[in-house]
N, C-alpha and C. Protein backbone atom coordinates (compact mmCIF):
# COMPACT_ATOMS: atom_id res chain seq x y z
N MET A 1 -9.43 14.72 -86.44
CA MET A 1 -10.69 15.31 -86.80
C MET A 1 -11.81 14.36 -86.39
N ALA A 2 -12.81 14.88 -85.75
CA ALA A 2 -13.98 14.08 -85.39
C ALA A 2 -14.98 14.14 -86.54
N TYR A 3 -15.36 12.98 -87.03
CA TYR A 3 -16.31 12.91 -88.13
C TYR A 3 -17.74 12.90 -87.60
N THR A 4 -18.67 13.36 -88.44
CA THR A 4 -20.09 13.36 -88.10
C THR A 4 -20.85 12.55 -89.13
N GLU A 5 -22.13 12.33 -88.86
CA GLU A 5 -22.98 11.64 -89.82
C GLU A 5 -23.03 12.40 -91.14
N ALA A 6 -22.99 13.73 -91.07
CA ALA A 6 -22.99 14.55 -92.29
C ALA A 6 -21.71 14.30 -93.09
N ASP A 7 -20.60 14.13 -92.40
CA ASP A 7 -19.34 13.82 -93.08
C ASP A 7 -19.43 12.47 -93.78
N LEU A 8 -20.05 11.51 -93.11
CA LEU A 8 -20.20 10.18 -93.72
C LEU A 8 -21.09 10.26 -94.95
N ALA A 9 -22.16 11.03 -94.88
CA ALA A 9 -23.04 11.20 -96.04
C ALA A 9 -22.29 11.88 -97.18
N ALA A 10 -21.47 12.88 -96.85
CA ALA A 10 -20.67 13.56 -97.87
C ALA A 10 -19.65 12.61 -98.48
N TRP A 11 -19.06 11.76 -97.64
CA TRP A 11 -18.11 10.74 -98.12
C TRP A 11 -18.79 9.81 -99.12
N ASP A 12 -19.95 9.29 -98.73
CA ASP A 12 -20.67 8.37 -99.60
C ASP A 12 -21.04 9.04 -100.92
N GLN A 13 -21.46 10.30 -100.86
CA GLN A 13 -21.80 11.02 -102.09
C GLN A 13 -20.57 11.22 -102.96
N ALA A 14 -19.43 11.52 -102.35
CA ALA A 14 -18.18 11.69 -103.10
C ALA A 14 -17.80 10.38 -103.79
N VAL A 15 -18.00 9.27 -103.11
CA VAL A 15 -17.69 7.96 -103.71
C VAL A 15 -18.62 7.69 -104.88
N ILE A 16 -19.90 8.00 -104.70
CA ILE A 16 -20.86 7.81 -105.80
C ILE A 16 -20.48 8.68 -106.98
N ASP A 17 -20.16 9.94 -106.71
CA ASP A 17 -19.79 10.86 -107.78
C ASP A 17 -18.52 10.45 -108.50
N SER A 18 -17.62 9.76 -107.81
CA SER A 18 -16.35 9.36 -108.41
C SER A 18 -16.50 8.19 -109.37
N ARG A 19 -17.62 7.47 -109.26
CA ARG A 19 -17.92 6.34 -110.15
C ARG A 19 -16.79 5.31 -110.20
N GLY A 20 -16.32 4.92 -109.03
CA GLY A 20 -15.32 3.87 -108.95
C GLY A 20 -13.89 4.32 -109.09
N ALA A 21 -13.68 5.63 -109.20
CA ALA A 21 -12.31 6.14 -109.33
C ALA A 21 -11.57 6.02 -108.00
N LEU A 22 -10.27 6.05 -108.07
CA LEU A 22 -9.45 5.95 -106.87
C LEU A 22 -9.15 7.31 -106.28
N GLN A 23 -9.63 8.37 -106.91
CA GLN A 23 -9.41 9.72 -106.41
C GLN A 23 -10.77 10.36 -106.17
N ILE A 24 -10.98 10.86 -104.94
CA ILE A 24 -12.23 11.54 -104.63
C ILE A 24 -11.95 12.86 -103.93
N SER A 25 -12.92 13.77 -104.01
CA SER A 25 -12.83 15.04 -103.29
C SER A 25 -13.81 14.99 -102.14
N PHE A 26 -13.30 15.30 -100.93
CA PHE A 26 -14.09 15.18 -99.72
C PHE A 26 -13.64 16.25 -98.74
N ASN A 27 -14.59 17.01 -98.21
CA ASN A 27 -14.28 18.08 -97.24
C ASN A 27 -13.23 19.05 -97.77
N GLY A 28 -13.31 19.38 -99.04
CA GLY A 28 -12.37 20.34 -99.62
C GLY A 28 -11.00 19.80 -99.93
N GLN A 29 -10.81 18.49 -99.79
CA GLN A 29 -9.52 17.88 -100.08
C GLN A 29 -9.70 16.80 -101.15
N THR A 30 -8.69 16.60 -101.94
CA THR A 30 -8.69 15.52 -102.91
C THR A 30 -7.80 14.41 -102.37
N VAL A 31 -8.34 13.20 -102.33
CA VAL A 31 -7.62 12.07 -101.77
C VAL A 31 -7.49 11.00 -102.85
N THR A 32 -6.29 10.44 -102.98
CA THR A 32 -6.04 9.36 -103.93
C THR A 32 -5.74 8.09 -103.14
N PHE A 33 -6.43 7.02 -103.50
CA PHE A 33 -6.28 5.75 -102.80
C PHE A 33 -5.50 4.76 -103.66
N ALA A 34 -4.85 3.81 -102.99
CA ALA A 34 -4.07 2.79 -103.69
C ALA A 34 -4.99 1.84 -104.46
N ASP A 35 -6.12 1.51 -103.85
CA ASP A 35 -7.08 0.61 -104.49
C ASP A 35 -8.45 0.80 -103.84
N LEU A 36 -9.45 0.10 -104.34
CA LEU A 36 -10.80 0.25 -103.81
C LEU A 36 -10.91 -0.26 -102.37
N ASP A 37 -10.10 -1.26 -102.02
CA ASP A 37 -10.09 -1.76 -100.64
C ASP A 37 -9.59 -0.67 -99.69
N ASP A 38 -8.60 0.08 -100.11
CA ASP A 38 -8.07 1.17 -99.30
C ASP A 38 -9.16 2.22 -99.08
N ARG A 39 -9.93 2.50 -100.11
CA ARG A 39 -11.03 3.46 -99.99
C ARG A 39 -12.09 2.93 -99.03
N ALA A 40 -12.40 1.65 -99.09
CA ALA A 40 -13.39 1.04 -98.19
C ALA A 40 -12.89 1.05 -96.75
N ARG A 41 -11.58 0.83 -96.55
CA ARG A 41 -11.02 0.87 -95.19
C ARG A 41 -11.13 2.27 -94.59
N GLN A 42 -10.95 3.29 -95.41
CA GLN A 42 -11.07 4.65 -94.89
C GLN A 42 -12.51 4.93 -94.47
N ARG A 43 -13.48 4.45 -95.23
CA ARG A 43 -14.89 4.62 -94.83
C ARG A 43 -15.15 3.91 -93.51
N ALA A 44 -14.60 2.72 -93.37
CA ALA A 44 -14.77 1.97 -92.12
C ALA A 44 -14.18 2.73 -90.94
N ARG A 45 -13.04 3.41 -91.15
CA ARG A 45 -12.44 4.21 -90.08
C ARG A 45 -13.36 5.37 -89.70
N ILE A 46 -13.99 5.99 -90.69
CA ILE A 46 -14.91 7.09 -90.41
C ILE A 46 -16.09 6.58 -89.59
N VAL A 47 -16.66 5.45 -90.00
CA VAL A 47 -17.80 4.86 -89.27
C VAL A 47 -17.40 4.53 -87.84
N LYS A 48 -16.21 3.97 -87.68
CA LYS A 48 -15.73 3.60 -86.34
C LYS A 48 -15.56 4.84 -85.45
N GLN A 49 -15.04 5.92 -86.00
CA GLN A 49 -14.87 7.14 -85.23
C GLN A 49 -16.21 7.75 -84.84
N ILE A 50 -17.18 7.71 -85.73
CA ILE A 50 -18.51 8.21 -85.42
C ILE A 50 -19.13 7.39 -84.29
N ALA A 51 -19.00 6.08 -84.38
CA ALA A 51 -19.55 5.20 -83.35
C ALA A 51 -18.87 5.42 -82.00
N ALA A 52 -17.56 5.62 -82.02
CA ALA A 52 -16.83 5.85 -80.77
C ALA A 52 -17.27 7.16 -80.12
N ALA A 53 -17.48 8.18 -80.93
CA ALA A 53 -17.93 9.47 -80.40
C ALA A 53 -19.34 9.37 -79.83
N ALA A 54 -20.15 8.49 -80.41
CA ALA A 54 -21.52 8.32 -79.94
C ALA A 54 -21.61 7.34 -78.78
N GLY A 55 -20.50 6.66 -78.49
CA GLY A 55 -20.49 5.69 -77.39
C GLY A 55 -21.13 4.36 -77.75
N THR A 56 -21.17 4.06 -79.04
CA THR A 56 -21.72 2.79 -79.49
C THR A 56 -20.62 1.98 -80.18
N ALA A 57 -20.85 0.69 -80.26
CA ALA A 57 -19.89 -0.18 -80.92
C ALA A 57 -20.20 -0.22 -82.41
N ALA A 58 -19.14 -0.22 -83.21
CA ALA A 58 -19.31 -0.33 -84.66
C ALA A 58 -18.88 -1.73 -85.06
N TYR A 59 -19.82 -2.60 -85.21
CA TYR A 59 -19.49 -3.94 -85.63
C TYR A 59 -20.62 -4.50 -86.48
N HIS A 60 -20.32 -5.55 -87.18
CA HIS A 60 -21.28 -6.19 -88.06
C HIS A 60 -21.34 -7.67 -87.69
N LEU A 61 -22.55 -8.14 -87.45
CA LEU A 61 -22.70 -9.56 -87.14
C LEU A 61 -22.90 -10.33 -88.44
N ALA A 62 -22.01 -11.25 -88.68
CA ALA A 62 -22.12 -12.06 -89.88
C ALA A 62 -23.07 -13.23 -89.63
N THR A 63 -23.80 -13.58 -90.63
CA THR A 63 -24.67 -14.75 -90.53
C THR A 63 -24.12 -15.84 -91.43
N THR A 64 -24.30 -17.03 -91.01
CA THR A 64 -23.85 -18.16 -91.82
C THR A 64 -25.03 -19.11 -92.00
N ARG A 65 -24.94 -19.88 -93.02
CA ARG A 65 -26.01 -20.84 -93.27
C ARG A 65 -25.37 -22.14 -93.73
N LYS A 66 -25.77 -23.21 -93.13
CA LYS A 66 -25.25 -24.52 -93.50
C LYS A 66 -26.04 -25.04 -94.68
N PHE A 67 -25.32 -25.37 -95.72
CA PHE A 67 -25.96 -25.91 -96.90
C PHE A 67 -25.97 -27.43 -96.81
N THR A 68 -27.06 -28.03 -97.17
CA THR A 68 -27.14 -29.48 -97.13
C THR A 68 -27.25 -30.07 -98.50
């Protein structure tokens, strides 16, 4: 299934509505996750698929700061 920005918005709303639960309803399906990290990984997969379809890279540049 190819995801869209609307799907991502619906996903985010489902997560908000679930209030931290491991089970959410999305696109007419109920999905149960092993843990919150599993749920976050699924969102990352959706973002990656959207970026691939748009021809852009999905990555995050981390910043670091040296403490003295």
